[in-house]
Amino acid sequence: MRRQHRHRTLAANVPRSEPLALHTRCGWQSLSHIMKPLIRLSIIGGLVATVALMAWLALGAGSSRASAPAVDYTLLDGTRGNIARLRGQVVLVNFWATSCTTCVKEMPQIVGTYQKYRGRGFETLAVAMEYDPPAFVANFVQTRALPFGVAIDNTGEIARQFGQVRVTPTTVLINKRGEVVKRYVGEPDFPALHALVEQLLAES
């Protein structure tokens, strides 16, 4: 009888393993307690970032535009100019090359834009890239009767001053205050460009 009682006592002291489902449920509950605050913090952080972005836009994000470089240029007819002297007008600077098929394709629309707005304080400067042979540029200007000023960037300085322009066509739109408003790489969406020109011309 003593041996049997001792056996029962030992058996009673052996810890019983809890069911696996119970362990899993407890584990998920613990994980849930940890994750809920993290999820709340993530949502709050996202809301704060959104509000900050909206406030930044409302205060005029992009209002501090970069000024166009006050770079010198010489037109094909020998006239010297400087971008800074064009302040007070809306200016379109078009970097192009006679070997660039897209440049040649878009040039009639560049001409059309100039003719549409020239009487309202709009100026256009076409800058031929330094690798373009001057004879080719002069022939193109003459045969196409380009009505605006054309400069050859012999040293590449104009392209460098405008942010290392390498791809043609690249078109830069400058407002009356001499600030760069828009930069187009490739052929612009001309209806959208015209809408922006209208807006800039209406500015004081």
Protein backbone atom coordinates (compact mmCIF):
# COMPACT_ATOMS: atom_id res chain seq x y z
CA MET A 1 0.00 0.00 0.00
CA ARG A 2 2.84 2.40 0.72
CA ARG A 3 4.43 1.72 -2.65
CA GLN A 4 1.16 2.37 -4.47
CA HIS A 5 0.60 5.66 -2.61
CA ARG A 6 4.12 6.80 -3.46
CA HIS A 7 3.52 5.96 -7.11
CA ARG A 8 0.32 8.02 -7.17
CA THR A 9 2.08 10.95 -5.50
CA LEU A 10 4.87 10.96 -8.06
CA ALA A 11 2.38 10.72 -10.89
CA ALA A 12 0.44 13.64 -9.47
CA ASN A 13 3.58 15.79 -9.42
CA VAL A 14 4.42 15.19 -13.10
CA PRO A 15 3.40 18.36 -15.02
CA ARG A 16 0.80 17.82 -17.67
CA SER A 17 1.53 19.25 -21.10
CA GLU A 18 -1.10 21.78 -22.19
CA PRO A 19 -2.83 21.22 -25.48
CA LEU A 20 -1.07 22.76 -28.56
CA ALA A 21 -4.14 24.80 -29.44
CA LEU A 22 -4.03 26.53 -26.07
CA HIS A 23 -0.37 27.46 -26.55
CA THR A 24 -1.10 28.79 -30.04
CA ARG A 25 -4.04 30.84 -28.81
CA CYS A 26 -1.97 32.38 -26.05
CA GLY A 27 0.84 33.12 -28.50
CA TRP A 28 -1.49 34.94 -30.88
CA GLN A 29 -2.98 36.91 -28.01
CA SER A 30 0.49 38.04 -26.91
CA LEU A 31 1.42 38.96 -30.48
CA SER A 32 -1.83 40.85 -30.89
CA HIS A 33 -1.08 42.91 -27.78
CA ILE A 34 2.29 43.87 -29.31
CA MET A 35 1.10 44.54 -32.85
CA LYS A 36 -1.95 46.70 -32.08
CA PRO A 37 0.06 49.64 -30.69
CA LEU A 38 2.49 49.37 -33.60
CA ILE A 39 -0.34 49.46 -36.12
CA ARG A 40 -1.84 52.49 -34.37
CA LEU A 41 1.53 54.28 -34.45
CA SER A 42 1.91 53.48 -38.15
CA ILE A 43 -1.54 54.89 -38.97
CA ILE A 44 -0.92 58.02 -36.88
CA GLY A 45 2.47 58.50 -38.52
CA GLY A 46 0.91 58.24 -41.98
CA LEU A 47 -1.77 60.77 -41.09
CA VAL A 48 0.82 63.19 -39.72
CA ALA A 49 2.90 62.86 -42.89
CA THR A 50 -0.16 63.46 -45.06
CA VAL A 51 -1.17 66.56 -43.09
CA ALA A 52 2.39 67.89 -43.27
CA LEU A 53 2.50 67.38 -47.05
CA MET A 54 -0.84 69.15 -47.50
CA ALA A 55 0.36 72.06 -45.38
CA TRP A 56 3.58 72.27 -47.40
CA LEU A 57 1.63 72.38 -50.64
CA ALA A 58 -0.80 74.94 -49.24
CA LEU A 59 2.08 77.20 -48.25
CA GLY A 60 3.30 77.17 -51.82
CA ALA A 61 5.59 74.25 -52.43
CA GLY A 62 7.73 75.03 -55.42
CA SER A 63 7.22 78.77 -54.93
CA SER A 64 10.99 79.18 -54.45
CA ARG A 65 11.94 78.45 -58.05
CA ALA A 66 15.50 78.51 -59.31
CA SER A 67 16.52 81.54 -61.30
CA ALA A 68 17.49 81.04 -64.92
CA PRO A 69 21.24 81.43 -65.44
CA ALA A 70 22.43 84.86 -66.57
CA VAL A 71 24.37 83.34 -69.44
CA ASP A 72 25.62 85.18 -72.53
CA TYR A 73 24.81 84.04 -76.06
CA THR A 74 25.44 85.20 -79.60
CA LEU A 75 22.82 84.89 -82.30
CA LEU A 76 23.60 83.83 -85.86
CA ASP A 77 23.38 87.43 -87.02
CA GLY A 78 26.06 88.43 -84.49
CA THR A 79 23.69 90.01 -81.96
CA ARG A 80 24.85 89.47 -78.40
CA GLY A 81 22.42 88.83 -75.62
CA ASN A 82 22.05 87.57 -72.07
CA ILE A 83 19.20 85.58 -70.55
CA ALA A 84 18.97 88.05 -67.65
CA ARG A 85 18.09 90.86 -70.07
CA LEU A 86 14.93 89.01 -71.05
CA ARG A 87 13.33 89.49 -67.63
CA GLY A 88 9.87 90.93 -67.87
CA GLN A 89 8.99 88.49 -70.63
CA VAL A 90 8.00 84.85 -70.65
CA VAL A 91 10.87 83.04 -72.34
CA LEU A 92 11.09 79.63 -73.99
CA VAL A 93 14.62 78.28 -74.44
CA ASN A 94 14.80 75.31 -76.79
CA PHE A 95 17.95 73.18 -76.95
CA TRP A 96 18.02 71.36 -80.28
CA ALA A 97 20.21 69.93 -83.05
CA THR A 98 19.77 69.51 -86.79
CA SER A 99 20.60 65.81 -86.36
CA CYS A 100 17.79 65.34 -83.82
CA THR A 101 14.68 64.01 -85.59
CA THR A 102 12.37 64.94 -82.72
CA CYS A 103 13.79 68.48 -82.72
CA VAL A 104 13.10 68.83 -86.44
CA LYS A 105 9.61 67.36 -85.98
CA GLU A 106 8.63 69.69 -83.14
CA MET A 107 10.16 72.86 -84.61
CA PRO A 108 6.98 73.92 -86.49
CA GLN A 109 5.14 73.84 -83.16
CA ILE A 110 7.91 75.86 -81.50
CA VAL A 111 7.47 78.38 -84.31
CA GLY A 112 3.68 78.29 -83.92
CA THR A 113 3.94 78.90 -80.18
CA TYR A 114 6.20 81.89 -80.76
CA GLN A 115 3.91 83.38 -83.39
CA LYS A 116 0.88 82.88 -81.18
CA TYR A 117 2.29 84.73 -78.17
CA ARG A 118 5.03 87.02 -79.50
CA GLY A 119 2.82 90.10 -79.30
CA ARG A 120 2.06 89.50 -75.61
CA GLY A 121 5.54 89.56 -74.13
CA PHE A 122 6.73 86.09 -75.14
CA GLU A 123 10.24 85.38 -76.42
CA THR A 124 11.88 82.27 -77.83
CA LEU A 125 15.58 81.41 -78.00
CA ALA A 126 16.68 78.33 -79.93
CA VAL A 127 20.09 77.05 -78.81
CA ALA A 128 21.86 74.67 -81.20
CA MET A 129 24.09 72.17 -79.41
CA GLU A 130 27.87 72.58 -79.57
CA TYR A 131 28.34 69.49 -81.76
CA ASP A 132 26.01 70.81 -84.46
CA PRO A 133 28.00 72.14 -87.46
CA PRO A 134 27.34 75.89 -87.83
CA ALA A 135 26.74 75.53 -91.56
CA PHE A 136 23.99 72.98 -90.91
CA VAL A 137 22.37 75.24 -88.31
CA ALA A 138 22.50 78.29 -90.58
CA ASN A 139 21.01 76.32 -93.47
CA PHE A 140 18.20 74.97 -91.30
CA VAL A 141 17.35 78.43 -89.96
CA GLN A 142 17.32 79.88 -93.46
CA THR A 143 15.30 77.15 -95.16
CA ARG A 144 12.75 76.95 -92.33
CA ALA A 145 12.62 80.73 -91.90
CA LEU A 146 12.78 80.54 -88.12
CA PRO A 147 11.36 83.82 -86.83
CA PHE A 148 13.13 83.90 -83.45
CA GLY A 149 16.71 84.18 -82.30
CA VAL A 150 19.01 81.19 -82.82
CA ALA A 151 22.33 80.79 -81.01
CA ILE A 152 25.00 78.15 -81.46
CA ASP A 153 26.39 76.92 -78.14
CA ASN A 154 29.95 76.67 -79.45
CA THR A 155 31.56 75.97 -76.08
CA GLY A 156 28.65 74.11 -74.46
CA GLU A 157 28.50 76.79 -71.76
CA ILE A 158 24.80 77.56 -72.24
CA ALA A 159 23.90 73.89 -71.88
CA ARG A 160 26.08 73.62 -68.77
CA GLN A 161 24.52 76.71 -67.19
CA PHE A 162 21.05 75.27 -67.77
CA GLY A 163 21.84 72.12 -65.79
CA GLN A 164 24.11 70.10 -68.06
CA VAL A 165 21.65 69.71 -70.92
CA ARG A 166 22.64 66.63 -72.92
CA VAL A 167 19.39 65.31 -74.35
CA THR A 168 17.66 67.04 -77.26
CA PRO A 169 15.15 68.42 -77.46
CA THR A 170 15.14 70.02 -74.04
CA THR A 171 12.85 73.02 -73.57
CA VAL A 172 12.95 75.38 -70.60
CA LEU A 173 10.13 77.79 -69.77
CA ILE A 174 11.04 80.92 -67.79
CA ASN A 175 8.58 83.33 -66.17
CA LYS A 176 8.70 87.15 -66.15
CA ARG A 177 10.76 87.14 -62.95
CA GLY A 178 13.49 85.11 -64.60
CA GLU A 179 12.62 81.88 -62.78
CA VAL A 180 12.63 78.44 -64.37
CA VAL A 181 9.04 77.22 -64.24
CA LYS A 182 9.13 74.06 -66.35
CA ARG A 183 11.69 71.85 -68.04
CA TYR A 184 10.63 69.51 -70.82
CA VAL A 185 12.90 66.68 -71.95
CA GLY A 186 11.63 65.41 -75.28
CA GLU A 187 8.75 66.87 -77.22
CA PRO A 188 6.38 68.81 -74.94
CA ASP A 189 2.64 68.39 -74.75
CA PHE A 190 2.02 71.62 -76.63
CA PRO A 191 -1.60 72.21 -75.52
CA ALA A 192 -0.43 71.90 -71.90
CA LEU A 193 2.57 74.12 -72.65
CA HIS A 194 0.28 76.77 -74.17
CA ALA A 195 -1.96 76.67 -71.10
CA LEU A 196 1.08 77.26 -68.90
CA VAL A 197 2.29 80.10 -71.14
CA GLU A 198 -1.15 81.73 -70.85
CA GLN A 199 -0.93 81.47 -67.08
CA LEU A 200 2.57 82.97 -66.98
CA LEU A 201 1.64 85.81 -69.30
CA ALA A 202 -1.26 86.71 -67.01
CA GLU A 203 1.10 87.07 -64.03
CA SER A 204 2.20 90.56 -63.08
